[in-house]
Amino acid sequence: MESEMKIHRGRHMKDLRRQRGLSLNALASMVMVDPSTISRWETRREFIHIARFIQALYALGVTPEEFLGLENPYPAMEEVAA
């Protein structure tokens, strides 16, 4: 699926931020980083630490699974046991 559609994750984060009407400063405040850090994430000039990435996604109102386009990342226990 990933090969079918390469997603620029930083661009996706920027689009979500704008859709929610959040400025760089507002999101940066929610994630407790400098606004320039958010900008570098969005332009792929800086690696996002996983904890900050998850914090940013929840601040944007999406789960990591939704952001990454995962339909059901956690199969039912019956499926795992089968």
N, C-alpha and C. Protein backbone atom coordinates (compact mmCIF):
# COMPACT_ATOMS: atom_id res chain seq x y z
N MET A 1 0.83 -1.20 0.00
CA MET A 1 0.00 0.00 0.00
C MET A 1 0.87 1.25 0.00
N GLU A 2 1.94 1.23 0.78
CA GLU A 2 2.82 2.39 0.86
C GLU A 2 3.44 2.68 -0.51
N SER A 3 3.78 1.63 -1.27
CA SER A 3 4.39 1.84 -2.58
C SER A 3 3.40 2.46 -3.56
N GLU A 4 2.10 2.19 -3.37
CA GLU A 4 1.08 2.76 -4.23
C GLU A 4 0.98 4.27 -4.05
N MET A 5 1.17 4.73 -2.82
CA MET A 5 0.97 6.14 -2.53
C MET A 5 2.00 6.61 -1.51
N LYS A 6 3.07 7.21 -2.00
CA LYS A 6 4.07 7.75 -1.10
C LYS A 6 3.50 9.01 -0.45
N ILE A 7 3.50 9.01 0.87
CA ILE A 7 2.95 10.14 1.60
C ILE A 7 4.08 10.91 2.25
N HIS A 8 4.10 12.19 2.04
CA HIS A 8 5.04 13.07 2.73
C HIS A 8 4.42 13.35 4.09
N ARG A 9 4.90 12.66 5.11
CA ARG A 9 4.30 12.74 6.45
C ARG A 9 4.32 14.17 6.99
N GLY A 10 5.39 14.89 6.74
CA GLY A 10 5.47 16.27 7.21
C GLY A 10 4.41 17.14 6.55
N ARG A 11 4.23 16.93 5.27
CA ARG A 11 3.20 17.69 4.54
C ARG A 11 1.81 17.35 5.08
N HIS A 12 1.60 16.08 5.37
CA HIS A 12 0.32 15.64 5.93
C HIS A 12 0.08 16.30 7.28
N MET A 13 1.11 16.38 8.10
CA MET A 13 0.99 17.03 9.41
C MET A 13 0.65 18.51 9.23
N LYS A 14 1.31 19.15 8.28
CA LYS A 14 1.05 20.57 8.02
C LYS A 14 -0.40 20.77 7.55
N ASP A 15 -0.87 19.90 6.66
CA ASP A 15 -2.25 20.00 6.18
C ASP A 15 -3.24 19.85 7.34
N LEU A 16 -3.00 18.87 8.22
CA LEU A 16 -3.88 18.68 9.38
C LEU A 16 -3.86 19.91 10.29
N ARG A 17 -2.67 20.45 10.52
CA ARG A 17 -2.54 21.63 11.37
C ARG A 17 -3.36 22.79 10.80
N ARG A 18 -3.24 23.00 9.52
CA ARG A 18 -3.98 24.10 8.88
C ARG A 18 -5.48 23.84 8.87
N GLN A 19 -5.89 22.58 8.61
CA GLN A 19 -7.32 22.25 8.63
C GLN A 19 -7.94 22.53 9.99
N ARG A 20 -7.15 22.34 11.03
CA ARG A 20 -7.66 22.57 12.39
C ARG A 20 -7.50 24.02 12.82
N GLY A 21 -6.99 24.85 11.94
CA GLY A 21 -6.85 26.27 12.23
C GLY A 21 -5.76 26.59 13.25
N LEU A 22 -4.77 25.71 13.33
CA LEU A 22 -3.68 25.93 14.29
C LEU A 22 -2.47 26.57 13.62
N SER A 23 -1.91 27.55 14.26
CA SER A 23 -0.68 28.16 13.78
C SER A 23 0.50 27.30 14.22
N LEU A 24 1.66 27.57 13.67
CA LEU A 24 2.88 26.89 14.13
C LEU A 24 3.06 27.12 15.63
N ASN A 25 2.82 28.37 16.06
CA ASN A 25 2.98 28.71 17.48
C ASN A 25 2.02 27.92 18.36
N ALA A 26 0.76 27.79 17.91
CA ALA A 26 -0.24 27.08 18.72
C ALA A 26 0.13 25.61 18.87
N LEU A 27 0.47 24.94 17.77
CA LEU A 27 0.83 23.54 17.85
C LEU A 27 2.12 23.35 18.65
N ALA A 28 3.07 24.23 18.43
CA ALA A 28 4.33 24.16 19.17
C ALA A 28 4.09 24.27 20.68
N SER A 29 3.19 25.14 21.06
CA SER A 29 2.86 25.30 22.47
C SER A 29 2.23 24.03 23.04
N MET A 30 1.37 23.40 22.25
CA MET A 30 0.70 22.17 22.71
C MET A 30 1.68 21.01 22.84
N VAL A 31 2.71 20.99 22.00
CA VAL A 31 3.68 19.89 21.99
C VAL A 31 4.93 20.23 22.81
N MET A 32 4.99 21.48 23.25
CA MET A 32 6.10 21.97 24.06
C MET A 32 7.45 21.95 23.33
N VAL A 33 7.41 22.45 22.09
CA VAL A 33 8.63 22.63 21.31
C VAL A 33 8.60 24.02 20.71
N ASP A 34 9.69 24.44 20.14
CA ASP A 34 9.78 25.72 19.47
C ASP A 34 9.02 25.67 18.14
N PRO A 35 8.36 26.76 17.73
CA PRO A 35 7.66 26.75 16.44
C PRO A 35 8.56 26.37 15.27
N SER A 36 9.83 26.74 15.33
CA SER A 36 10.75 26.38 14.23
C SER A 36 10.93 24.86 14.15
N THR A 37 10.76 24.17 15.27
CA THR A 37 10.85 22.71 15.26
C THR A 37 9.70 22.12 14.47
N ILE A 38 8.49 22.63 14.70
CA ILE A 38 7.32 22.17 13.94
C ILE A 38 7.56 22.41 12.45
N SER A 39 8.07 23.57 12.11
CA SER A 39 8.36 23.90 10.72
C SER A 39 9.35 22.91 10.12
N ARG A 40 10.39 22.58 10.87
CA ARG A 40 11.39 21.62 10.36
C ARG A 40 10.79 20.23 10.19
N TRP A 41 9.86 19.84 11.08
CA TRP A 41 9.18 18.55 10.91
C TRP A 41 8.38 18.55 9.62
N GLU A 42 7.64 19.63 9.40
CA GLU A 42 6.76 19.71 8.24
C GLU A 42 7.52 19.74 6.92
N THR A 43 8.74 20.23 6.95
CA THR A 43 9.55 20.30 5.73
C THR A 43 10.60 19.20 5.66
N ARG A 44 10.51 18.25 6.57
CA ARG A 44 11.39 17.08 6.64
C ARG A 44 12.87 17.46 6.81
N ARG A 45 13.13 18.54 7.48
CA ARG A 45 14.50 18.93 7.76
C ARG A 45 14.96 18.45 9.13
N GLU A 46 14.04 17.87 9.90
CA GLU A 46 14.39 17.37 11.22
C GLU A 46 13.59 16.11 11.52
N PHE A 47 14.26 15.12 12.07
CA PHE A 47 13.63 13.88 12.48
C PHE A 47 12.72 14.16 13.68
N ILE A 48 11.53 13.56 13.68
CA ILE A 48 10.60 13.72 14.79
C ILE A 48 10.78 12.57 15.76
N HIS A 49 11.09 12.89 17.00
CA HIS A 49 11.17 11.86 18.04
C HIS A 49 9.78 11.25 18.20
N ILE A 50 9.69 9.95 18.36
CA ILE A 50 8.40 9.26 18.39
C ILE A 50 7.45 9.82 19.45
N ALA A 51 7.96 10.15 20.62
CA ALA A 51 7.10 10.69 21.68
C ALA A 51 6.50 12.03 21.26
N ARG A 52 7.29 12.89 20.64
CA ARG A 52 6.78 14.19 20.18
C ARG A 52 5.83 14.02 19.01
N PHE A 53 6.12 13.04 18.14
CA PHE A 53 5.25 12.76 17.00
C PHE A 53 3.86 12.37 17.48
N ILE A 54 3.79 11.46 18.43
CA ILE A 54 2.50 11.02 18.97
C ILE A 54 1.80 12.17 19.68
N GLN A 55 2.55 12.94 20.44
CA GLN A 55 1.98 14.10 21.13
C GLN A 55 1.40 15.09 20.12
N ALA A 56 2.11 15.33 19.04
CA ALA A 56 1.63 16.26 18.01
C ALA A 56 0.36 15.73 17.34
N LEU A 57 0.33 14.43 17.05
CA LEU A 57 -0.86 13.86 16.41
C LEU A 57 -2.09 13.99 17.30
N TYR A 58 -1.94 13.69 18.58
CA TYR A 58 -3.08 13.83 19.48
C TYR A 58 -3.50 15.29 19.62
N ALA A 59 -2.54 16.20 19.58
CA ALA A 59 -2.87 17.63 19.61
C ALA A 59 -3.65 18.02 18.36
N LEU A 60 -3.39 17.32 17.25
CA LEU A 60 -4.11 17.57 16.00
C LEU A 60 -5.43 16.81 15.93
N GLY A 61 -5.69 15.97 16.92
CA GLY A 61 -6.96 15.27 16.98
C GLY A 61 -7.02 13.99 16.16
N VAL A 62 -5.86 13.39 15.87
CA VAL A 62 -5.84 12.12 15.15
C VAL A 62 -4.97 11.12 15.89
N THR A 63 -5.28 9.86 15.73
CA THR A 63 -4.44 8.83 16.33
C THR A 63 -3.30 8.52 15.36
N PRO A 64 -2.24 7.92 15.86
CA PRO A 64 -1.16 7.51 14.94
C PRO A 64 -1.67 6.58 13.84
N GLU A 65 -2.59 5.68 14.19
CA GLU A 65 -3.14 4.75 13.19
C GLU A 65 -3.88 5.49 12.08
N GLU A 66 -4.67 6.49 12.48
CA GLU A 66 -5.40 7.28 11.48
C GLU A 66 -4.42 8.04 10.59
N PHE A 67 -3.42 8.65 11.19
CA PHE A 67 -2.44 9.44 10.45
C PHE A 67 -1.70 8.58 9.44
N LEU A 68 -1.35 7.36 9.84
CA LEU A 68 -0.59 6.46 8.98
C LEU A 68 -1.47 5.66 8.02
N GLY A 69 -2.79 5.83 8.14
CA GLY A 69 -3.70 5.15 7.23
C GLY A 69 -3.84 3.67 7.50
N LEU A 70 -3.68 3.26 8.74
CA LEU A 70 -3.83 1.86 9.10
C LEU A 70 -5.29 1.60 9.43
N GLU A 71 -5.89 0.64 8.75
CA GLU A 71 -7.31 0.37 8.96
C GLU A 71 -7.57 -0.28 10.31
N ASN A 72 -6.96 -1.43 10.57
CA ASN A 72 -7.15 -2.12 11.85
C ASN A 72 -5.80 -2.71 12.25
N PRO A 73 -4.98 -1.91 12.90
CA PRO A 73 -3.64 -2.40 13.24
C PRO A 73 -3.63 -3.46 14.33
N TYR A 74 -4.75 -3.63 15.03
CA TYR A 74 -4.81 -4.58 16.13
C TYR A 74 -5.86 -5.63 15.85
N PRO A 75 -5.46 -6.79 15.32
CA PRO A 75 -6.45 -7.83 15.02
C PRO A 75 -7.08 -8.37 16.29
N ALA A 76 -8.28 -8.90 16.15
CA ALA A 76 -8.97 -9.49 17.29
C ALA A 76 -8.15 -10.67 17.80
N MET A 77 -8.25 -10.94 19.10
CA MET A 77 -7.49 -12.03 19.70
C MET A 77 -7.79 -13.37 19.03
N GLU A 78 -9.02 -13.56 18.56
CA GLU A 78 -9.37 -14.81 17.92
C GLU A 78 -8.53 -15.00 16.64
N GLU A 79 -8.27 -13.90 15.92
CA GLU A 79 -7.48 -13.97 14.70
C GLU A 79 -6.02 -14.31 15.02
N VAL A 80 -5.50 -13.75 16.09
CA VAL A 80 -4.11 -13.98 16.47
C VAL A 80 -3.92 -15.43 16.92
N ALA A 81 -4.90 -15.96 17.65
CA ALA A 81 -4.80 -17.32 18.19
C ALA A 81 -5.00 -18.39 17.12
N ALA A 82 -5.63 -18.03 16.01
CA ALA A 82 -5.95 -19.02 14.97
C ALA A 82 -4.74 -19.51 14.22
